[in-house]
Amino acid sequence: MNKNEGQGLEGKIEHAECCAGTNAGTPGIFHVNKTGQGEHKPGNVQNREYGHEPGCHLHFMKEAYKEALKAYGKEEVPIGAVIVKDNRVIARAHNERESRKDATLHAEISAIKKACKKLGTWRLNDCDMYVTLEPCVMCAGALIQARIRTVFIGAADPKAGAVGSVINVTNVEKFNHRINVVYGVLEEECSLILKKFFKKLRLRQE
């Protein structure tokens, strides 16, 4: 999405009511393309209709992107996540695996912990997550355990993504909870910051 496209789309829905997570039914995979329109990815479980305006996606993903920028500033892999309930951000976090020397401190895990603490429950049934990079196996499993309703993903991870790229942990029929998945929200920006980070890292190692 180029700058003008993003601004134009946001302008159209600036005052629109956000209704993230109001859909019901069988979970599936939904892709938001560069024009902000929805299209279903090939091979998904079922076609789904999402009642949200794309601008809501952009707003919350930009909040997750701010968290990714914090990680970038700490020389962490720039991944950020926020959890939304009733159209409000209730938890936000970024990758801190290197700085805190903890393999589990991915953005998604930290955001889930904060949301559980805030709500006083481990069940986040009415909550949605916005994350700048497709979750890994650990984080996808945590999304299921926390009963997250929908995960909105910025960029896919073709090497380690566990929500469709390498495997799809969120769509195992025998699990007792399945998650709605929306791809491609602020995809270009989320991908670019990762490329910038790894380019900087390679140059430093040369």
C-alpha atoms as a PDB file:
ATOM      1  CA  MET A   1       0.000   0.000   0.000  1.00  0.00           C
ATOM      2  CA  ASN A   2       1.543   3.304  -0.977  1.00  0.00           C
ATOM      3  CA  LYS A   3       1.257   6.400   1.155  1.00  0.00           C
ATOM      4  CA  ASN A   4      -1.520   8.015  -0.864  1.00  0.00           C
ATOM      5  CA  GLU A   5      -3.581   4.840  -0.928  1.00  0.00           C
ATOM      6  CA  GLY A   6      -3.342   4.488   2.844  1.00  0.00           C
ATOM      7  CA  GLN A   7      -4.297   8.090   3.505  1.00  0.00           C
ATOM      8  CA  GLY A   8      -7.222   7.948   1.089  1.00  0.00           C
ATOM      9  CA  LEU A   9      -8.593   4.778   2.600  1.00  0.00           C
ATOM     10  CA  GLU A  10      -8.284   6.099   6.131  1.00  0.00           C
ATOM     11  CA  GLY A  11      -9.969   9.344   5.107  1.00  0.00           C
ATOM     12  CA  LYS A  12     -13.026   7.502   3.830  1.00  0.00           C
ATOM     13  CA  ILE A  13     -13.547   5.589   7.033  1.00  0.00           C
ATOM     14  CA  GLU A  14     -12.127   8.054   9.539  1.00  0.00           C
ATOM     15  CA  HIS A  15     -15.448   8.385  11.342  1.00  0.00           C
ATOM     16  CA  ALA A  16     -16.735   4.896  10.589  1.00  0.00           C
ATOM     17  CA  GLU A  17     -17.674   2.710  13.507  1.00  0.00           C
ATOM     18  CA  CYS A  18     -15.105  -0.037  14.101  1.00  0.00           C
ATOM     19  CA  CYS A  19     -16.728  -3.413  14.444  1.00  0.00           C
ATOM     20  CA  ALA A  20     -13.767  -5.786  14.644  1.00  0.00           C
ATOM     21  CA  GLY A  21     -14.608  -9.304  15.700  1.00  0.00           C
ATOM     22  CA  THR A  22     -18.375  -9.219  15.328  1.00  0.00           C
ATOM     23  CA  ASN A  23     -18.437 -12.076  12.799  1.00  0.00           C
ATOM     24  CA  ALA A  24     -19.531 -15.573  13.735  1.00  0.00           C
ATOM     25  CA  GLY A  25     -19.404 -19.036  12.197  1.00  0.00           C
ATOM     26  CA  THR A  26     -16.710 -21.354  10.910  1.00  0.00           C
ATOM     27  CA  PRO A  27     -13.238 -19.815  11.017  1.00  0.00           C
ATOM     28  CA  GLY A  28     -11.416 -19.192   7.771  1.00  0.00           C
ATOM     29  CA  ILE A  29      -8.612 -17.187   6.191  1.00  0.00           C
ATOM     30  CA  PHE A  30      -9.329 -13.753   4.769  1.00  0.00           C
ATOM     31  CA  HIS A  31      -6.921 -11.547   2.838  1.00  0.00           C
ATOM     32  CA  VAL A  32      -7.007  -7.742   2.674  1.00  0.00           C
ATOM     33  CA  ASN A  33      -5.428  -6.589  -0.571  1.00  0.00           C
ATOM     34  CA  LYS A  34      -3.643  -3.311  -1.320  1.00  0.00           C
ATOM     35  CA  THR A  35      -6.853  -1.498  -2.186  1.00  0.00           C
ATOM     36  CA  GLY A  36      -8.290  -2.357   1.216  1.00  0.00           C
ATOM     37  CA  GLN A  37     -10.793  -4.773  -0.283  1.00  0.00           C
ATOM     38  CA  GLY A  38     -11.271  -8.251   1.058  1.00  0.00           C
ATOM     39  CA  GLU A  39     -10.564 -11.424  -0.876  1.00  0.00           C
ATOM     40  CA  HIS A  40     -10.374 -15.016   0.265  1.00  0.00           C
ATOM     41  CA  LYS A  41      -7.064 -16.799  -0.046  1.00  0.00           C
ATOM     42  CA  PRO A  42      -7.044 -20.038  -2.070  1.00  0.00           C
ATOM     43  CA  GLY A  43      -7.326 -23.167   0.021  1.00  0.00           C
ATOM     44  CA  ASN A  44      -9.005 -21.634   3.052  1.00  0.00           C
ATOM     45  CA  VAL A  45     -11.490 -23.628   5.102  1.00  0.00           C
ATOM     46  CA  GLN A  46     -14.550 -21.624   4.170  1.00  0.00           C
ATOM     47  CA  ASN A  47     -15.357 -18.264   2.686  1.00  0.00           C
ATOM     48  CA  ARG A  48     -16.201 -15.749   5.372  1.00  0.00           C
ATOM     49  CA  GLU A  49     -17.697 -12.301   5.488  1.00  0.00           C
ATOM     50  CA  TYR A  50     -16.051  -9.741   7.765  1.00  0.00           C
ATOM     51  CA  GLY A  51     -18.195  -6.837   8.832  1.00  0.00           C
ATOM     52  CA  HIS A  52     -15.306  -4.474   9.609  1.00  0.00           C
ATOM     53  CA  GLU A  53     -14.290  -1.460   7.607  1.00  0.00           C
ATOM     54  CA  PRO A  54     -10.675  -1.933   6.449  1.00  0.00           C
ATOM     55  CA  GLY A  55      -9.717   1.297   8.179  1.00  0.00           C
ATOM     56  CA  CYS A  56     -10.304  -0.319  11.552  1.00  0.00           C
ATOM     57  CA  HIS A  57      -7.728  -2.894  10.577  1.00  0.00           C
ATOM     58  CA  LEU A  58      -5.308  -0.150   9.585  1.00  0.00           C
ATOM     59  CA  HIS A  59      -5.783   1.764  12.827  1.00  0.00           C
ATOM     60  CA  PHE A  60      -5.075  -1.199  15.084  1.00  0.00           C
ATOM     61  CA  MET A  61      -2.279  -2.575  12.925  1.00  0.00           C
ATOM     62  CA  LYS A  62      -0.592   0.814  13.082  1.00  0.00           C
ATOM     63  CA  GLU A  63      -0.671   0.470  16.863  1.00  0.00           C
ATOM     64  CA  ALA A  64       1.044  -2.899  16.502  1.00  0.00           C
ATOM     65  CA  TYR A  65       3.504  -1.318  14.076  1.00  0.00           C
ATOM     66  CA  LYS A  66       4.417   1.275  16.723  1.00  0.00           C
ATOM     67  CA  GLU A  67       5.375  -1.620  18.956  1.00  0.00           C
ATOM     68  CA  ALA A  68       7.512  -3.065  16.161  1.00  0.00           C
ATOM     69  CA  LEU A  69       9.326   0.273  15.959  1.00  0.00           C
ATOM     70  CA  LYS A  70      10.101   0.005  19.676  1.00  0.00           C
ATOM     71  CA  ALA A  71      11.631  -3.414  19.079  1.00  0.00           C
ATOM     72  CA  TYR A  72      13.655  -2.022  16.178  1.00  0.00           C
ATOM     73  CA  GLY A  73      15.021   0.691  18.472  1.00  0.00           C
ATOM     74  CA  LYS A  74      16.190  -2.011  20.895  1.00  0.00           C
ATOM     75  CA  GLU A  75      17.866  -3.949  18.057  1.00  0.00           C
ATOM     76  CA  GLU A  76      15.270  -6.696  18.416  1.00  0.00           C
ATOM     77  CA  VAL A  77      13.581  -8.315  15.414  1.00  0.00           C
ATOM     78  CA  PRO A  78      10.863  -5.677  14.829  1.00  0.00           C
ATOM     79  CA  ILE A  79       7.604  -7.415  15.597  1.00  0.00           C
ATOM     80  CA  GLY A  80       4.739  -5.794  17.475  1.00  0.00           C
ATOM     81  CA  ALA A  81       1.302  -6.901  18.631  1.00  0.00           C
ATOM     82  CA  VAL A  82      -1.792  -5.422  20.232  1.00  0.00           C
ATOM     83  CA  ILE A  83      -4.906  -7.077  21.608  1.00  0.00           C
ATOM     84  CA  VAL A  84      -8.260  -5.401  21.049  1.00  0.00           C
ATOM     85  CA  LYS A  85     -11.517  -5.842  22.976  1.00  0.00           C
ATOM     86  CA  ASP A  86     -14.651  -3.807  22.284  1.00  0.00           C
ATOM     87  CA  ASN A  87     -12.696  -1.673  19.795  1.00  0.00           C
ATOM     88  CA  ARG A  88     -10.113  -0.673  22.398  1.00  0.00           C
ATOM     89  CA  VAL A  89      -6.491  -1.730  22.735  1.00  0.00           C
ATOM     90  CA  ILE A  90      -6.183  -3.520  26.075  1.00  0.00           C
ATOM     91  CA  ALA A  91      -2.631  -4.842  25.687  1.00  0.00           C
ATOM     92  CA  ARG A  92       0.404  -4.054  23.575  1.00  0.00           C
ATOM     93  CA  ALA A  93       3.842  -5.591  23.340  1.00  0.00           C
ATOM     94  CA  HIS A  94       6.881  -6.077  21.132  1.00  0.00           C
ATOM     95  CA  ASN A  95       9.606  -8.651  20.694  1.00  0.00           C
ATOM     96  CA  GLU A  96      12.069  -8.654  23.626  1.00  0.00           C
ATOM     97  CA  ARG A  97      13.733 -12.018  23.202  1.00  0.00           C
ATOM     98  CA  GLU A  98      17.279 -10.666  22.883  1.00  0.00           C
ATOM     99  CA  SER A  99      17.186  -7.837  25.395  1.00  0.00           C
ATOM    100  CA  ARG A 100      15.610  -9.967  28.138  1.00  0.00           C
ATOM    101  CA  LYS A 101      17.342 -13.230  27.186  1.00  0.00           C
ATOM    102  CA  ASP A 102      14.081 -15.157  27.079  1.00  0.00           C
ATOM    103  CA  ALA A 103      13.111 -17.311  24.085  1.00  0.00           C
ATOM    104  CA  THR A 104       9.406 -17.030  24.928  1.00  0.00           C
ATOM    105  CA  LEU A 105       9.193 -13.231  24.901  1.00  0.00           C
ATOM    106  CA  HIS A 106       7.715 -12.854  21.457  1.00  0.00           C
ATOM    107  CA  ALA A 107       5.327  -9.931  21.002  1.00  0.00           C
ATOM    108  CA  GLU A 108       2.276 -12.189  20.912  1.00  0.00           C
ATOM    109  CA  ILE A 109       3.112 -14.009  24.145  1.00  0.00           C
ATOM    110  CA  SER A 110       3.768 -10.791  26.053  1.00  0.00           C
ATOM    111  CA  ALA A 111       0.572  -9.206  24.744  1.00  0.00           C
ATOM    112  CA  ILE A 112      -1.470 -12.250  25.780  1.00  0.00           C
ATOM    113  CA  LYS A 113       0.003 -12.160  29.292  1.00  0.00           C
ATOM    114  CA  LYS A 114      -0.826  -8.466  29.653  1.00  0.00           C
ATOM    115  CA  ALA A 115      -4.375  -8.931  28.374  1.00  0.00           C
ATOM    116  CA  CYS A 116      -4.998 -11.856  30.741  1.00  0.00           C
ATOM    117  CA  LYS A 117      -3.733  -9.810  33.664  1.00  0.00           C
ATOM    118  CA  LYS A 118      -5.874  -6.820  32.722  1.00  0.00           C
ATOM    119  CA  LEU A 119      -9.062  -8.848  32.288  1.00  0.00           C
ATOM    120  CA  GLY A 120      -8.416 -11.212  35.186  1.00  0.00           C
ATOM    121  CA  THR A 121      -8.907 -14.312  33.070  1.00  0.00           C
ATOM    122  CA  TRP A 122      -6.954 -16.511  30.675  1.00  0.00           C
ATOM    123  CA  ARG A 123      -9.953 -16.712  28.336  1.00  0.00           C
ATOM    124  CA  LEU A 124      -9.717 -13.983  25.703  1.00  0.00           C
ATOM    125  CA  ASN A 125     -12.744 -15.159  23.698  1.00  0.00           C
ATOM    126  CA  ASP A 126     -13.937 -11.668  22.841  1.00  0.00           C
ATOM    127  CA  CYS A 127     -10.507 -10.361  21.920  1.00  0.00           C
ATOM    128  CA  ASP A 128      -8.676  -9.970  18.613  1.00  0.00           C
ATOM    129  CA  MET A 129      -4.936  -9.707  18.023  1.00  0.00           C
ATOM    130  CA  TYR A 130      -3.161  -7.513  15.477  1.00  0.00           C
ATOM    131  CA  VAL A 131       0.420  -8.615  14.859  1.00  0.00           C
ATOM    132  CA  THR A 132       2.909  -7.314  12.320  1.00  0.00           C
ATOM    133  CA  LEU A 133       4.357 -10.734  11.403  1.00  0.00           C
ATOM    134  CA  GLU A 134       2.679 -14.118  11.070  1.00  0.00           C
ATOM    135  CA  PRO A 135       2.960 -15.986  14.393  1.00  0.00           C
ATOM    136  CA  CYS A 136       5.362 -18.892  14.877  1.00  0.00           C
ATOM    137  CA  VAL A 137       4.287 -22.306  16.195  1.00  0.00           C
ATOM    138  CA  MET A 138       4.693 -21.233  19.820  1.00  0.00           C
ATOM    139  CA  CYS A 139       2.636 -18.071  19.388  1.00  0.00           C
ATOM    140  CA  ALA A 140      -0.031 -19.701  17.236  1.00  0.00           C
ATOM    141  CA  GLY A 141      -0.459 -22.293  19.966  1.00  0.00           C
ATOM    142  CA  ALA A 142      -0.741 -19.555  22.571  1.00  0.00           C
ATOM    143  CA  LEU A 143      -3.452 -17.853  20.516  1.00  0.00           C
ATOM    144  CA  ILE A 144      -5.452 -21.065  20.588  1.00  0.00           C
ATOM    145  CA  GLN A 145      -4.881 -21.589  24.320  1.00  0.00           C
ATOM    146  CA  ALA A 146      -5.986 -18.017  25.047  1.00  0.00           C
ATOM    147  CA  ARG A 147      -9.099 -18.462  22.871  1.00  0.00           C
ATOM    148  CA  ILE A 148      -8.287 -15.405  20.743  1.00  0.00           C
ATOM    149  CA  ARG A 149     -11.162 -14.812  18.325  1.00  0.00           C
ATOM    150  CA  THR A 150      -9.410 -13.340  15.281  1.00  0.00           C
ATOM    151  CA  VAL A 151      -5.766 -12.725  14.436  1.00  0.00           C
ATOM    152  CA  PHE A 152      -4.986  -9.941  11.957  1.00  0.00           C
ATOM    153  CA  ILE A 153      -1.578 -10.370  10.351  1.00  0.00           C
ATOM    154  CA  GLY A 154       0.589  -7.783   8.615  1.00  0.00           C
ATOM    155  CA  ALA A 155       3.297  -9.742   6.794  1.00  0.00           C
ATOM    156  CA  ALA A 156       3.492 -13.480   6.159  1.00  0.00           C
ATOM    157  CA  ASP A 157       6.507 -15.461   7.367  1.00  0.00           C
ATOM    158  CA  PRO A 158       7.415 -17.981   4.645  1.00  0.00           C
ATOM    159  CA  LYS A 159      10.169 -19.559   6.778  1.00  0.00           C
ATOM    160  CA  ALA A 160       8.494 -19.997  10.150  1.00  0.00           C
ATOM    161  CA  GLY A 161       4.874 -18.917   9.884  1.00  0.00           C
ATOM    162  CA  ALA A 162       2.441 -21.267  11.591  1.00  0.00           C
ATOM    163  CA  VAL A 163      -0.796 -19.624  10.451  1.00  0.00           C
ATOM    164  CA  GLY A 164      -0.735 -20.743   6.854  1.00  0.00           C
ATOM    165  CA  SER A 165       2.741 -20.173   5.409  1.00  0.00           C
ATOM    166  CA  VAL A 166       4.593 -23.284   6.615  1.00  0.00           C
ATOM    167  CA  ILE A 167       1.797 -24.958   8.561  1.00  0.00           C
ATOM    168  CA  ASN A 168      -1.550 -23.789   9.900  1.00  0.00           C
ATOM    169  CA  VAL A 169      -1.855 -24.537  13.595  1.00  0.00           C
ATOM    170  CA  THR A 170      -4.993 -22.407  13.896  1.00  0.00           C
ATOM    171  CA  ASN A 171      -7.013 -24.606  11.585  1.00  0.00           C
ATOM    172  CA  VAL A 172      -6.594 -28.084  13.035  1.00  0.00           C
ATOM    173  CA  GLU A 173     -10.099 -29.529  13.098  1.00  0.00           C
ATOM    174  CA  LYS A 174      -9.547 -31.655  16.199  1.00  0.00           C
ATOM    175  CA  PHE A 175      -8.584 -28.675  18.359  1.00  0.00           C
ATOM    176  CA  ASN A 176     -11.383 -27.359  20.569  1.00  0.00           C
ATOM    177  CA  HIS A 177     -10.838 -23.770  19.414  1.00  0.00           C
ATOM    178  CA  ARG A 178     -10.249 -22.379  15.952  1.00  0.00           C
ATOM    179  CA  ILE A 179      -9.287 -18.830  15.060  1.00  0.00           C
ATOM    180  CA  ASN A 180     -10.363 -16.490  12.297  1.00  0.00           C
ATOM    181  CA  VAL A 181      -7.344 -15.282  10.308  1.00  0.00           C
ATOM    182  CA  VAL A 182      -7.025 -12.042   8.333  1.00  0.00           C
ATOM    183  CA  TYR A 183      -3.886 -11.439   6.282  1.00  0.00           C
ATOM    184  CA  GLY A 184      -2.359  -8.406   4.587  1.00  0.00           C
ATOM    185  CA  VAL A 185      -3.211  -5.486   6.899  1.00  0.00           C
ATOM    186  CA  LEU A 186      -0.495  -2.830   6.451  1.00  0.00           C
ATOM    187  CA  GLU A 187       1.492  -5.612   4.784  1.00  0.00           C
ATOM    188  CA  GLU A 188       3.998  -3.459   2.910  1.00  0.00           C
ATOM    189  CA  GLU A 189       5.061  -1.448   5.945  1.00  0.00           C
ATOM    190  CA  CYS A 190       5.258  -4.502   8.200  1.00  0.00           C
ATOM    191  CA  SER A 191       7.415  -6.311   5.662  1.00  0.00           C
ATOM    192  CA  LEU A 192       9.648  -3.318   4.954  1.00  0.00           C
ATOM    193  CA  ILE A 193      10.724  -2.768   8.550  1.00  0.00           C
ATOM    194  CA  LEU A 194      11.794  -6.416   8.794  1.00  0.00           C
ATOM    195  CA  LYS A 195      13.799  -6.175   5.575  1.00  0.00           C
ATOM    196  CA  LYS A 196      15.420  -2.993   6.818  1.00  0.00           C
ATOM    197  CA  PHE A 197      16.346  -4.638  10.125  1.00  0.00           C
ATOM    198  CA  PHE A 198      17.951  -7.704   8.570  1.00  0.00           C
ATOM    199  CA  LYS A 199      19.780  -5.642   5.963  1.00  0.00           C
ATOM    200  CA  LYS A 200      21.245  -3.530   8.776  1.00  0.00           C
ATOM    201  CA  LEU A 201      22.204  -6.702  10.658  1.00  0.00           C
ATOM    202  CA  ARG A 202      23.966  -8.191   7.631  1.00  0.00           C
ATOM    203  CA  LEU A 203      25.938  -5.012   7.014  1.00  0.00           C
ATOM    204  CA  ARG A 204      27.067  -4.990  10.638  1.00  0.00           C
ATOM    205  CA  GLN A 205      28.285  -8.581  10.389  1.00  0.00           C
ATOM    206  CA  GLU A 206      30.342  -7.969   7.238  1.00  0.00           C
END
